[in-house]
N, C-alpha and C. Protein backbone atom coordinates (compact mmCIF):
# COMPACT_ATOMS: atom_id res chain seq x y z
N MET A 1 -2.52 12.54 -6.22
CA MET A 1 -1.30 12.07 -5.68
C MET A 1 -0.94 10.86 -6.34
N ASN A 2 0.07 10.83 -7.08
CA ASN A 2 0.57 9.63 -7.85
C ASN A 2 1.08 8.39 -6.97
N GLN A 3 1.00 7.32 -7.70
CA GLN A 3 1.46 5.91 -6.96
C GLN A 3 3.07 6.08 -6.34
N GLU A 4 3.77 6.86 -6.89
CA GLU A 4 5.29 7.02 -6.39
C GLU A 4 5.02 7.77 -5.21
N ASN A 5 4.40 8.70 -4.88
CA ASN A 5 4.33 9.52 -3.77
C ASN A 5 3.25 8.80 -2.71
N ALA A 6 2.56 7.93 -3.04
CA ALA A 6 1.45 7.53 -2.43
C ALA A 6 1.83 6.13 -1.50
N LEU A 7 3.14 5.73 -1.69
CA LEU A 7 3.54 4.36 -1.26
C LEU A 7 4.93 4.86 -0.68
N ALA A 8 5.31 4.51 0.57
CA ALA A 8 6.68 4.65 0.95
C ALA A 8 6.77 3.15 1.23
N VAL A 9 8.29 2.79 1.49
CA VAL A 9 8.97 1.40 1.50
C VAL A 9 9.70 1.41 2.75
N PHE A 10 9.54 0.42 3.75
CA PHE A 10 10.54 0.34 4.82
C PHE A 10 10.58 -1.25 4.84
N GLN A 11 12.11 -1.41 4.79
CA GLN A 11 12.55 -2.93 4.57
C GLN A 11 11.80 -3.67 3.75
N GLY A 12 11.40 -3.23 2.58
CA GLY A 12 10.76 -3.95 1.51
C GLY A 12 9.52 -4.07 1.57
N LYS A 13 8.66 -3.51 2.72
CA LYS A 13 7.24 -3.42 2.85
C LYS A 13 6.59 -2.21 2.58
N GLY A 14 5.62 -2.09 1.84
CA GLY A 14 4.96 -0.89 1.42
C GLY A 14 4.03 -0.29 2.43
N ILE A 15 4.24 1.09 2.86
CA ILE A 15 3.11 1.66 3.74
C ILE A 15 2.50 2.84 3.03
N ARG A 16 1.18 2.63 3.05
CA ARG A 16 0.27 3.68 2.17
C ARG A 16 0.60 5.02 3.07
N ARG A 17 0.46 6.10 2.28
CA ARG A 17 0.27 7.60 2.68
C ARG A 17 -0.34 8.25 1.99
N THR A 18 -0.91 9.74 2.43
CA THR A 18 -1.54 10.58 1.63
C THR A 18 -1.10 11.82 2.23
N TRP A 19 -1.28 12.88 1.26
CA TRP A 19 -0.87 14.24 1.86
C TRP A 19 -2.15 14.91 2.25
N HIS A 20 -2.20 15.31 3.50
CA HIS A 20 -3.48 15.87 3.83
C HIS A 20 -3.21 16.94 5.10
N ASN A 21 -3.80 18.09 4.96
CA ASN A 21 -3.52 19.14 6.04
C ASN A 21 -2.12 19.50 5.72
N ASN A 22 -1.45 19.74 4.68
CA ASN A 22 -0.15 19.96 4.44
C ASN A 22 0.99 19.09 5.21
N GLU A 23 0.81 18.06 5.27
CA GLU A 23 1.43 16.99 5.93
C GLU A 23 1.24 15.58 5.57
N TRP A 24 2.07 14.55 5.46
CA TRP A 24 1.90 13.20 5.26
C TRP A 24 0.97 12.62 6.37
N TYR A 25 0.10 11.72 6.22
CA TYR A 25 -0.78 10.98 6.93
C TYR A 25 -0.34 9.42 6.49
N PHE A 26 -0.19 8.65 7.44
CA PHE A 26 0.25 7.28 6.95
C PHE A 26 -0.86 6.25 7.58
N SER A 27 -0.75 4.92 6.70
CA SER A 27 -1.90 4.15 7.21
C SER A 27 -1.28 3.41 8.66
N VAL A 28 -2.16 3.52 9.52
CA VAL A 28 -1.91 2.97 10.77
C VAL A 28 -1.75 1.43 10.52
N VAL A 29 -2.82 0.66 9.99
CA VAL A 29 -2.75 -0.50 9.48
C VAL A 29 -1.48 -1.12 9.04
N ASP A 30 -0.97 -0.32 8.00
CA ASP A 30 0.10 -0.73 7.31
C ASP A 30 1.40 -0.80 8.18
N ILE A 31 1.41 0.21 9.38
CA ILE A 31 2.59 0.48 10.00
C ILE A 31 2.47 -0.72 11.22
N VAL A 32 1.24 -1.08 11.74
CA VAL A 32 1.15 -2.06 12.53
C VAL A 32 1.76 -3.38 11.98
N ALA A 33 1.34 -3.73 10.55
CA ALA A 33 1.64 -5.08 9.76
C ALA A 33 3.29 -5.04 9.89
N VAL A 34 3.86 -3.96 9.42
CA VAL A 34 5.30 -3.83 9.60
C VAL A 34 6.09 -4.18 10.90
N LEU A 35 5.60 -3.36 11.90
CA LEU A 35 6.00 -3.59 13.32
C LEU A 35 5.89 -5.03 13.92
N THR A 36 4.79 -5.56 13.52
CA THR A 36 4.36 -6.89 14.37
C THR A 36 4.42 -8.07 13.48
N ASP A 37 4.56 -7.89 12.21
CA ASP A 37 4.28 -9.10 11.28
C ASP A 37 3.17 -9.92 11.50
N SER A 38 2.37 -9.23 12.26
CA SER A 38 0.95 -9.86 12.28
C SER A 38 0.14 -10.36 11.21
N PRO A 39 -0.46 -11.61 10.95
CA PRO A 39 -1.18 -12.03 9.85
C PRO A 39 -2.51 -11.08 9.76
N THR A 40 -2.99 -10.43 11.06
CA THR A 40 -4.08 -9.63 10.88
C THR A 40 -3.91 -8.30 11.64
N PRO A 41 -3.14 -7.56 10.85
CA PRO A 41 -2.98 -6.26 11.58
C PRO A 41 -4.01 -5.30 11.79
N ARG A 42 -4.95 -5.49 11.02
CA ARG A 42 -6.53 -4.55 11.50
C ARG A 42 -6.94 -5.00 12.88
N GLN A 43 -7.11 -6.13 12.92
CA GLN A 43 -7.40 -6.83 14.39
C GLN A 43 -6.57 -6.21 15.49
N TYR A 44 -5.19 -6.33 15.15
CA TYR A 44 -4.18 -6.14 16.39
C TYR A 44 -4.38 -4.57 16.38
N TRP A 45 -4.52 -3.72 15.55
CA TRP A 45 -4.60 -2.47 15.65
C TRP A 45 -5.94 -2.07 16.62
N GLY A 46 -7.09 -2.88 16.26
CA GLY A 46 -8.26 -2.79 17.23
C GLY A 46 -7.97 -2.90 18.72
N LYS A 47 -7.21 -3.91 18.82
CA LYS A 47 -6.90 -4.29 20.17
C LYS A 47 -6.15 -3.29 20.92
N VAL A 48 -5.08 -2.76 20.24
CA VAL A 48 -4.30 -1.53 20.49
C VAL A 48 -5.03 -0.42 20.92
N LYS A 49 -6.00 0.00 20.05
CA LYS A 49 -6.81 1.25 20.32
C LYS A 49 -7.78 1.11 21.52
N ASP A 50 -8.22 -0.31 21.62
CA ASP A 50 -9.10 -0.47 22.96
C ASP A 50 -8.16 -0.61 24.33
N ARG A 51 -6.88 -1.27 24.25
CA ARG A 51 -6.15 -1.14 25.32
C ARG A 51 -5.64 0.17 25.73
N GLU A 52 -4.87 0.57 24.67
CA GLU A 52 -4.15 1.81 25.04
C GLU A 52 -4.88 3.14 25.19
N PHE A 53 -6.06 3.48 24.17
CA PHE A 53 -6.44 4.71 23.86
C PHE A 53 -7.66 4.85 24.58
N GLU A 54 -8.80 4.17 24.31
CA GLU A 54 -10.21 4.32 24.24
C GLU A 54 -10.48 3.78 25.83
N LYS A 55 -9.67 2.98 26.71
CA LYS A 55 -9.97 2.82 27.92
C LYS A 55 -9.45 4.10 28.75
N LEU A 56 -8.31 4.71 28.29
CA LEU A 56 -8.07 6.08 28.86
C LEU A 56 -8.82 7.00 28.43
N GLU A 57 -9.95 7.01 27.52
CA GLU A 57 -10.71 8.06 27.15
C GLU A 57 -10.02 9.25 26.48
N LEU A 58 -9.23 8.89 25.70
CA LEU A 58 -8.29 10.02 25.04
C LEU A 58 -9.21 10.07 23.76
N SER A 59 -9.21 11.30 23.35
CA SER A 59 -9.55 11.83 22.06
C SER A 59 -8.81 11.27 20.85
N PRO A 60 -9.47 10.50 19.73
CA PRO A 60 -8.67 9.87 18.66
C PRO A 60 -7.86 10.86 18.06
N PHE A 61 -6.53 10.52 18.09
CA PHE A 61 -5.50 11.32 17.18
C PHE A 61 -5.19 10.99 15.81
N TRP A 62 -6.05 10.00 15.30
CA TRP A 62 -6.08 9.48 14.06
C TRP A 62 -7.42 9.84 13.34
N VAL A 63 -7.11 9.96 12.02
CA VAL A 63 -8.46 10.32 11.03
C VAL A 63 -8.47 9.32 9.94
N GLN A 64 -9.91 9.22 9.55
CA GLN A 64 -9.98 8.16 8.49
C GLN A 64 -9.99 8.85 7.25
N LEU A 65 -9.08 8.59 6.38
CA LEU A 65 -8.76 8.95 4.93
C LEU A 65 -8.84 7.74 3.94
N LYS A 66 -9.24 8.15 2.67
CA LYS A 66 -9.36 7.06 1.76
C LYS A 66 -7.99 6.80 1.33
N LEU A 67 -7.82 5.63 1.13
CA LEU A 67 -6.43 5.20 0.73
C LEU A 67 -6.80 4.04 -0.28
N LEU A 68 -5.75 3.87 -1.33
CA LEU A 68 -5.98 2.73 -2.34
C LEU A 68 -5.80 1.39 -1.59
N SER A 69 -6.88 0.41 -1.88
CA SER A 69 -6.45 -0.81 -1.30
C SER A 69 -5.92 -1.62 -2.59
N ALA A 70 -5.55 -3.05 -2.23
CA ALA A 70 -5.04 -3.75 -3.08
C ALA A 70 -6.01 -4.08 -4.27
N ASP A 71 -7.40 -4.00 -3.99
CA ASP A 71 -8.34 -4.28 -5.04
C ASP A 71 -8.43 -3.34 -6.16
N GLY A 72 -7.69 -2.35 -5.98
CA GLY A 72 -7.69 -0.91 -6.94
C GLY A 72 -8.90 -0.03 -6.48
N LYS A 73 -9.67 -0.45 -5.28
CA LYS A 73 -10.55 0.80 -4.96
C LYS A 73 -9.99 1.48 -3.48
N GLU A 74 -10.58 2.58 -3.41
CA GLU A 74 -10.21 3.47 -2.26
C GLU A 74 -11.19 3.15 -1.12
N TYR A 75 -10.63 2.97 0.11
CA TYR A 75 -11.31 2.74 1.44
C TYR A 75 -10.94 3.71 2.37
N LEU A 76 -11.84 4.21 3.29
CA LEU A 76 -11.46 4.97 4.64
C LEU A 76 -10.53 4.11 5.34
N THR A 77 -9.73 4.51 5.93
CA THR A 77 -8.54 3.66 6.63
C THR A 77 -8.10 4.92 7.69
N ASP A 78 -7.76 4.23 8.82
CA ASP A 78 -7.19 4.92 9.86
C ASP A 78 -5.98 5.45 9.60
N CYS A 79 -5.55 6.81 9.76
CA CYS A 79 -4.28 7.49 9.33
C CYS A 79 -3.82 8.23 10.46
N ALA A 80 -2.62 8.43 10.40
CA ALA A 80 -2.02 9.38 11.53
C ALA A 80 -0.81 10.17 10.93
N ASN A 81 -0.66 11.60 11.52
CA ASN A 81 0.53 12.25 11.02
C ASN A 81 2.00 11.46 11.54
N THR A 82 2.68 12.14 11.25
CA THR A 82 4.30 11.59 12.01
C THR A 82 4.24 11.76 13.28
N GLU A 83 4.08 12.86 13.79
CA GLU A 83 3.94 13.09 15.32
C GLU A 83 2.94 12.02 15.94
N ASN A 84 1.87 11.83 15.57
CA ASN A 84 0.88 10.56 16.36
C ASN A 84 1.35 9.27 16.00
N ILE A 85 2.08 9.01 14.89
CA ILE A 85 2.44 7.72 14.52
C ILE A 85 3.53 7.41 15.72
N PHE A 86 4.34 8.45 16.00
CA PHE A 86 5.21 7.90 17.07
C PHE A 86 4.66 7.60 18.44
N ARG A 87 3.50 8.23 18.54
CA ARG A 87 2.60 7.80 19.98
C ARG A 87 2.18 6.50 19.91
N ILE A 88 1.64 5.91 18.54
CA ILE A 88 1.23 4.67 18.43
C ILE A 88 2.18 3.75 18.75
N ILE A 89 3.53 3.90 17.89
CA ILE A 89 4.63 2.99 18.23
C ILE A 89 5.06 2.68 19.47
N GLN A 90 4.93 3.76 20.25
CA GLN A 90 5.18 3.74 21.72
C GLN A 90 4.50 2.41 22.46
N SER A 91 3.13 2.24 21.87
CA SER A 91 2.34 1.13 22.44
C SER A 91 2.32 -0.20 21.72
N ILE A 92 3.02 -0.40 20.79
CA ILE A 92 3.48 -1.48 20.27
C ILE A 92 4.88 -2.16 20.44
N PRO A 93 4.92 -3.30 21.23
CA PRO A 93 6.36 -3.65 21.62
C PRO A 93 6.92 -4.54 20.23
N SER A 94 8.23 -3.86 19.53
CA SER A 94 8.85 -4.43 18.61
C SER A 94 9.96 -3.90 18.34
N LYS A 95 10.87 -4.91 17.95
CA LYS A 95 12.36 -4.80 17.88
C LYS A 95 12.62 -3.79 16.41
N LYS A 96 11.82 -3.62 15.89
CA LYS A 96 11.77 -2.70 14.62
C LYS A 96 11.48 -1.28 15.02
N ALA A 97 10.96 -0.86 16.08
CA ALA A 97 10.74 0.38 16.75
C ALA A 97 11.53 1.56 16.35
N GLU A 98 12.91 1.16 16.82
CA GLU A 98 13.83 2.29 16.63
C GLU A 98 14.17 2.68 15.08
N PRO A 99 14.41 1.66 14.19
CA PRO A 99 14.74 1.78 13.00
C PRO A 99 13.61 2.57 12.23
N PHE A 100 12.49 2.02 12.94
CA PHE A 100 11.34 2.72 11.99
C PHE A 100 11.14 4.23 12.34
N LYS A 101 11.47 4.32 13.63
CA LYS A 101 11.29 5.93 13.83
C LYS A 101 12.35 6.80 13.11
N ARG A 102 13.38 6.36 12.98
CA ARG A 102 14.38 6.97 11.92
C ARG A 102 13.90 7.05 10.52
N TRP A 103 13.31 5.96 10.23
CA TRP A 103 12.73 5.79 8.82
C TRP A 103 11.60 6.88 8.70
N LEU A 104 10.52 6.94 9.51
CA LEU A 104 9.63 7.61 9.62
C LEU A 104 10.00 9.32 9.65
N ALA A 105 10.95 9.43 10.59
CA ALA A 105 11.35 10.95 10.58
C ALA A 105 11.95 11.37 9.29
N LYS A 106 12.42 10.44 8.55
CA LYS A 106 12.97 10.97 7.22
C LYS A 106 11.82 10.96 6.00
N VAL A 107 11.19 10.12 5.94
CA VAL A 107 10.01 10.22 4.93
C VAL A 107 8.80 11.11 5.22
N GLY A 108 8.71 11.32 6.35
CA GLY A 108 7.67 12.32 7.02
C GLY A 108 7.84 13.89 6.81
N TYR A 109 9.24 13.87 6.64
CA TYR A 109 10.02 15.24 6.10
C TYR A 109 10.23 15.68 4.91
N GLU A 110 10.37 14.40 4.05
CA GLU A 110 11.10 14.56 2.60
C GLU A 110 9.86 15.35 1.53
N ARG A 111 8.67 15.33 2.07
CA ARG A 111 7.69 16.21 1.12
C ARG A 111 7.78 17.66 1.16
N ILE A 112 8.14 18.30 2.42
CA ILE A 112 8.10 19.54 2.76
C ILE A 112 9.52 19.97 1.92
N ARG A 113 10.54 18.95 1.88
CA ARG A 113 11.93 19.48 1.17
C ARG A 113 11.55 19.41 -0.29
N GLU A 114 10.86 18.51 -0.92
CA GLU A 114 10.53 18.40 -2.24
C GLU A 114 9.77 19.67 -2.73
N ILE A 115 8.94 20.09 -1.74
CA ILE A 115 8.17 21.65 -2.22
C ILE A 115 8.98 22.45 -2.38
N GLU A 116 10.17 22.49 -1.44
CA GLU A 116 11.03 23.62 -1.48
C GLU A 116 12.20 23.46 -2.62
N ASN A 117 12.28 22.30 -3.05
CA ASN A 117 13.13 21.84 -4.05
C ASN A 117 12.68 20.90 -5.10
N PRO A 118 11.93 21.05 -6.00
CA PRO A 118 11.19 19.98 -6.77
C PRO A 118 12.36 18.77 -7.32
N GLU A 119 13.64 19.44 -7.60
CA GLU A 119 14.69 18.40 -7.99
C GLU A 119 14.79 17.15 -7.15
N LEU A 120 14.61 17.30 -6.02
CA LEU A 120 14.64 16.34 -4.92
C LEU A 120 13.44 15.25 -5.21
N ALA A 121 12.41 15.51 -5.76
CA ALA A 121 11.31 15.02 -6.01
C ALA A 121 11.44 13.78 -7.30
N GLN A 122 12.41 14.33 -8.11
CA GLN A 122 12.94 13.66 -9.33
C GLN A 122 13.91 12.69 -9.01
N GLU A 123 14.81 13.15 -8.12
CA GLU A 123 15.86 12.23 -7.70
C GLU A 123 15.27 11.00 -6.91
N ARG A 124 14.17 11.15 -5.97
CA ARG A 124 13.59 10.19 -5.45
C ARG A 124 12.91 9.45 -6.36
N ALA A 125 12.08 9.72 -7.42
CA ALA A 125 11.49 8.94 -8.34
C ALA A 125 12.39 8.05 -9.05
N LYS A 126 13.90 8.56 -9.47
CA LYS A 126 14.60 7.76 -10.11
C LYS A 126 15.27 6.66 -9.24
N GLU A 127 15.20 6.89 -7.91
CA GLU A 127 15.63 6.00 -6.89
C GLU A 127 14.61 4.83 -6.74
N TYR A 128 13.09 5.25 -7.01
CA TYR A 128 12.27 4.32 -6.75
C TYR A 128 11.90 3.22 -7.87
N TYR A 129 12.63 3.78 -9.19
CA TYR A 129 12.35 3.06 -10.44
C TYR A 129 13.62 2.01 -10.24
N LYS A 130 14.84 2.69 -9.69
CA LYS A 130 16.02 1.53 -9.88
C LYS A 130 15.76 0.59 -9.03
N LEU A 131 15.24 0.93 -7.96
CA LEU A 131 14.96 -0.21 -6.73
C LEU A 131 13.88 -1.45 -7.40
N LYS A 132 13.07 -0.77 -8.48
CA LYS A 132 12.10 -1.70 -9.19
C LYS A 132 12.82 -2.58 -10.18
N GLY A 133 14.00 -2.17 -10.53
CA GLY A 133 15.03 -2.94 -11.44
C GLY A 133 14.75 -2.26 -12.96
N TYR A 134 14.05 -0.99 -13.14
CA TYR A 134 14.41 -0.72 -14.36
C TYR A 134 15.83 -0.04 -14.84
N PRO A 135 16.02 -0.10 -16.29
CA PRO A 135 17.35 0.24 -16.69
C PRO A 135 17.48 1.91 -16.63
N LYS A 136 18.71 2.38 -16.37
CA LYS A 136 18.94 3.73 -16.52
C LYS A 136 18.27 4.57 -17.63
N ASP A 137 18.73 4.31 -18.79
CA ASP A 137 17.98 4.86 -19.75
C ASP A 137 16.49 5.04 -19.62
N TRP A 138 15.72 3.86 -19.22
CA TRP A 138 14.28 4.05 -19.02
C TRP A 138 13.96 4.81 -18.11
N ILE A 139 14.82 4.89 -16.86
CA ILE A 139 14.44 5.87 -15.89
C ILE A 139 14.41 7.27 -16.36
N GLU A 140 15.52 7.69 -16.98
CA GLU A 140 15.68 9.01 -17.45
C GLU A 140 14.70 9.36 -18.28
N LYS A 141 14.03 8.56 -19.14
CA LYS A 141 13.01 8.90 -20.20
C LYS A 141 11.58 9.08 -19.14
N ARG A 142 11.44 8.26 -18.33
CA ARG A 142 10.41 8.26 -17.40
C ARG A 142 10.23 9.33 -16.79
N VAL A 143 11.36 9.65 -16.04
CA VAL A 143 11.24 11.23 -15.28
C VAL A 143 11.07 12.07 -16.11
N ARG A 144 11.53 12.48 -17.14
CA ARG A 144 11.07 13.34 -18.30
C ARG A 144 9.80 13.35 -18.74
N GLY A 145 9.22 12.11 -18.84
CA GLY A 145 7.70 12.14 -19.18
C GLY A 145 7.01 12.48 -18.20
N ILE A 146 7.36 12.37 -16.62
CA ILE A 146 6.55 12.81 -15.63
C ILE A 146 6.38 14.43 -15.85
N ALA A 147 7.77 15.03 -16.07
CA ALA A 147 7.60 16.34 -15.94
C ALA A 147 6.78 17.08 -17.14
N ILE A 148 7.08 16.40 -18.29
CA ILE A 148 6.30 16.69 -19.38
C ILE A 148 4.74 16.55 -19.12
N ARG A 149 4.22 15.56 -18.42
CA ARG A 149 2.98 15.09 -18.15
C ARG A 149 2.34 16.42 -17.35
N GLN A 150 3.15 16.78 -16.35
CA GLN A 150 2.96 17.59 -15.50
C GLN A 150 2.66 18.93 -15.91
N GLU A 151 3.42 19.38 -16.96
CA GLU A 151 3.06 20.65 -17.75
C GLU A 151 2.07 20.55 -18.80
N LEU A 152 1.67 19.30 -19.21
CA LEU A 152 0.47 19.24 -20.02
C LEU A 152 -0.54 19.35 -19.16
N THR A 153 -0.54 18.65 -18.04
CA THR A 153 -1.82 18.88 -17.19
C THR A 153 -1.97 20.34 -16.69
N ASP A 154 -1.10 21.07 -16.27
CA ASP A 154 -1.23 22.33 -16.00
C ASP A 154 -1.69 23.31 -17.01
N GLU A 155 -1.22 23.03 -18.41
CA GLU A 155 -2.01 23.82 -19.49
C GLU A 155 -3.12 23.38 -19.64
N TRP A 156 -3.75 22.13 -19.67
CA TRP A 156 -5.05 21.78 -19.53
C TRP A 156 -5.83 22.54 -18.40
N SER A 157 -5.50 22.56 -17.43
CA SER A 157 -6.09 23.30 -16.24
C SER A 157 -6.13 24.74 -16.52
N GLN A 158 -5.23 25.46 -17.05
CA GLN A 158 -5.36 26.95 -17.54
C GLN A 158 -6.31 27.03 -18.54
N ARG A 159 -6.53 26.04 -19.29
CA ARG A 159 -7.72 26.09 -20.45
C ARG A 159 -9.01 25.69 -20.12
N GLY A 160 -9.24 25.56 -18.62
CA GLY A 160 -10.63 25.18 -18.27
C GLY A 160 -10.94 23.74 -18.07
N VAL A 161 -9.73 22.83 -18.15
CA VAL A 161 -10.10 21.28 -17.80
C VAL A 161 -10.23 21.34 -16.44
N GLY A 162 -11.47 20.73 -16.03
CA GLY A 162 -11.55 20.95 -14.39
C GLY A 162 -11.79 19.55 -13.52
N ASP A 163 -11.86 18.32 -14.24
CA ASP A 163 -12.10 17.54 -13.34
C ASP A 163 -11.48 16.15 -13.77
N GLU A 164 -11.63 14.93 -13.12
CA GLU A 164 -10.69 13.82 -13.44
C GLU A 164 -11.03 13.51 -15.05
N ARG A 165 -12.58 13.35 -15.19
CA ARG A 165 -13.35 12.68 -16.39
C ARG A 165 -12.81 13.35 -17.44
N GLU A 166 -12.50 14.93 -17.43
CA GLU A 166 -12.03 15.46 -18.69
C GLU A 166 -10.60 15.06 -18.96
N TYR A 167 -9.88 14.98 -17.90
CA TYR A 167 -8.44 14.72 -17.88
C TYR A 167 -8.46 13.45 -18.61
N ALA A 168 -9.10 12.20 -18.14
CA ALA A 168 -9.15 10.96 -18.65
C ALA A 168 -9.42 10.80 -20.31
N ILE A 169 -10.59 11.67 -20.63
CA ILE A 169 -10.81 11.80 -21.97
C ILE A 169 -9.53 12.36 -22.84
N LEU A 170 -8.91 13.24 -22.29
CA LEU A 170 -8.03 13.76 -23.08
C LEU A 170 -6.68 12.84 -23.23
N THR A 171 -6.57 12.35 -22.32
CA THR A 171 -5.34 11.42 -22.07
C THR A 171 -5.61 10.16 -22.84
N ASN A 172 -6.78 9.74 -22.81
CA ASN A 172 -7.29 8.50 -23.80
C ASN A 172 -7.12 8.76 -25.25
N GLU A 173 -7.40 10.14 -25.64
CA GLU A 173 -7.20 10.58 -27.05
C GLU A 173 -5.73 10.59 -27.45
N ILE A 174 -4.74 11.09 -26.48
CA ILE A 174 -3.31 11.32 -26.72
C ILE A 174 -3.08 9.39 -27.16
N SER A 175 -3.29 8.72 -26.13
CA SER A 175 -2.92 7.10 -26.13
C SER A 175 -3.61 6.67 -27.65
N THR A 176 -4.74 6.67 -28.05
CA THR A 176 -5.33 6.51 -29.16
C THR A 176 -4.32 6.90 -30.46
N ALA A 177 -4.18 8.29 -30.34
CA ALA A 177 -3.41 8.96 -31.50
C ALA A 177 -1.95 8.19 -31.70
N THR A 178 -1.39 7.91 -30.29
CA THR A 178 0.08 7.54 -30.29
C THR A 178 0.13 5.93 -30.68
N PHE A 179 -0.69 5.12 -30.17
CA PHE A 179 -0.70 3.75 -30.07
C PHE A 179 -1.64 3.18 -31.04
N GLY A 180 -2.80 3.73 -31.27
CA GLY A 180 -3.42 3.36 -32.18
C GLY A 180 -4.89 2.72 -31.34
N ILE A 181 -4.72 2.50 -30.12
CA ILE A 181 -5.84 2.06 -29.35
C ILE A 181 -6.16 2.81 -27.99
N PRO A 182 -7.11 2.76 -27.39
CA PRO A 182 -7.26 3.59 -26.00
C PRO A 182 -6.67 2.78 -24.87
N ILE A 183 -6.68 3.68 -23.98
CA ILE A 183 -5.91 3.06 -22.74
C ILE A 183 -6.37 1.79 -22.30
N LYS A 184 -7.51 1.53 -22.08
CA LYS A 184 -8.04 0.31 -21.51
C LYS A 184 -7.56 -0.76 -22.28
N LYS A 185 -7.63 -1.09 -23.68
CA LYS A 185 -7.29 -1.69 -24.70
C LYS A 185 -5.83 -1.97 -24.60
N HIS A 186 -5.02 -1.00 -24.23
CA HIS A 186 -3.51 -0.98 -24.22
C HIS A 186 -3.14 -1.83 -22.89
N LYS A 187 -3.81 -1.46 -21.86
CA LYS A 187 -3.66 -2.20 -20.55
C LYS A 187 -3.91 -3.61 -20.84
N GLN A 188 -4.84 -4.03 -21.31
CA GLN A 188 -5.20 -5.33 -21.97
C GLN A 188 -3.97 -6.07 -22.51
N VAL A 189 -3.61 -5.19 -23.73
CA VAL A 189 -2.53 -5.89 -24.25
C VAL A 189 -1.09 -6.18 -23.24
N LYS A 190 -0.93 -5.40 -22.66
CA LYS A 190 0.14 -5.44 -21.55
C LYS A 190 -0.07 -6.37 -20.42
N GLY A 191 -1.47 -7.12 -20.21
CA GLY A 191 -1.68 -7.92 -19.35
C GLY A 191 -2.03 -7.12 -18.24
N LEU A 192 -2.45 -5.90 -17.87
CA LEU A 192 -2.42 -5.19 -16.66
C LEU A 192 -4.21 -5.15 -16.55
N ASP A 193 -4.88 -5.22 -15.43
CA ASP A 193 -5.92 -5.14 -15.20
C ASP A 193 -6.52 -3.80 -15.22
N PRO A 194 -7.33 -3.21 -15.99
CA PRO A 194 -7.98 -1.87 -16.15
C PRO A 194 -8.60 -1.53 -15.01
N LYS A 195 -8.84 -2.42 -14.26
CA LYS A 195 -9.62 -1.97 -12.87
C LYS A 195 -8.77 -1.77 -11.77
N LEU A 196 -7.56 -1.68 -11.76
CA LEU A 196 -6.70 -1.68 -10.98
C LEU A 196 -5.98 -0.31 -11.05
N LYS A 197 -6.12 0.87 -10.17
CA LYS A 197 -5.57 2.16 -10.34
C LYS A 197 -3.90 2.25 -10.13
N ASN A 198 -3.42 1.10 -9.40
CA ASN A 198 -2.24 1.07 -9.25
C ASN A 198 -1.22 0.32 -10.04
N GLN A 199 -1.71 -0.07 -11.30
CA GLN A 199 -1.19 -0.54 -12.39
C GLN A 199 -0.80 0.49 -13.57
N ASN A 200 0.07 1.21 -13.49
CA ASN A 200 0.32 2.42 -14.20
C ASN A 200 0.67 2.17 -15.62
N LEU A 201 0.01 2.26 -16.54
CA LEU A 201 0.56 1.79 -17.79
C LEU A 201 1.77 2.38 -18.27
N ARG A 202 2.01 3.67 -18.10
CA ARG A 202 3.38 4.49 -18.19
C ARG A 202 4.45 3.63 -17.63
N ASP A 203 4.41 3.09 -16.57
CA ASP A 203 5.44 2.08 -15.94
C ASP A 203 5.67 0.87 -16.77
N HIS A 204 4.97 0.51 -17.50
CA HIS A 204 5.06 -0.63 -18.45
C HIS A 204 5.12 -0.35 -20.05
N ILE A 205 5.43 0.77 -20.15
CA ILE A 205 5.96 1.11 -21.69
C ILE A 205 7.45 1.03 -21.88
N GLN A 206 8.01 0.22 -22.82
CA GLN A 206 9.37 -0.08 -23.04
C GLN A 206 9.86 1.28 -23.83
N ARG A 207 11.33 1.46 -23.86
CA ARG A 207 11.69 2.42 -24.42
C ARG A 207 11.27 2.42 -26.22
N ILE A 208 11.20 1.37 -26.72
CA ILE A 208 10.84 0.99 -27.93
C ILE A 208 9.49 0.14 -27.83
N ASP A 209 8.13 0.30 -27.68
CA ASP A 209 7.31 -0.48 -27.33
C ASP A 209 6.83 -1.22 -28.45
N LYS A 210 6.93 -2.57 -28.30
CA LYS A 210 6.66 -3.55 -29.35
C LYS A 210 5.37 -3.89 -29.74
N PHE A 211 4.38 -3.34 -28.70
CA PHE A 211 3.04 -3.28 -29.12
C PHE A 211 2.51 -1.86 -29.79
N ALA A 212 3.39 -1.13 -30.05
CA ALA A 212 2.91 0.31 -30.71
C ALA A 212 2.60 -0.01 -32.22
N GLY A 213 2.02 1.03 -32.80
CA GLY A 213 1.83 1.09 -34.13
C GLY A 213 1.11 0.06 -34.53
N HIS A 214 1.44 -0.83 -35.77
CA HIS A 214 0.77 -1.75 -36.48
C HIS A 214 0.53 -3.05 -35.54
N HIS A 215 1.05 -3.18 -34.60
CA HIS A 215 1.19 -4.32 -33.64
C HIS A 215 0.06 -4.30 -32.67
N LEU A 216 -0.48 -3.39 -32.45
CA LEU A 216 -1.90 -3.01 -31.78
C LEU A 216 -3.03 -3.07 -32.69
N ARG A 217 -3.01 -3.19 -33.98
CA ARG A 217 -3.98 -3.05 -34.87
C ARG A 217 -4.80 -4.27 -34.98
């Protein structure tokens, strides 16, 4: 799951999600943070669980799934699908509840629509980059690059490339051949932290990369 898909945005705040059992599962803590503006959303969610669900001896309708954290690592996090997030919202007093429900209904369904019509995913990616301030010509090239990258990884898969390490090796070879340095070094040149998975190098390469070629040597 790439970062464009793994993060949804409500009123300027990111909500992590992951594709599980053929549907979106959202980070409950992120949703609590959005609805309550609490400085300690994890503790707030703990109290809600204790007050509303555990005392009623209800079976948990959330699951723990690995989500990317701010430190670039993945941790098990309480997540719930769209239907059960609605149940959680009912237990959290918030003026944002109704607009959030409408937003949730939309983003929870969009992945299904994108599977049926892949062009919708491309349009959403364009809007995502537009909101981040990228120019139109850069966005068009980036979206085409995503499609080409997918075709390439599909070809690698058909030829027996089977795990993330092998994909990383091949990607690194392409980077070295194109820019003259490996990906880790290129990230350092760009001021990106190689340890953070959410800092995508391809999102920081300009139309004509001034660091390319002999500038990297």
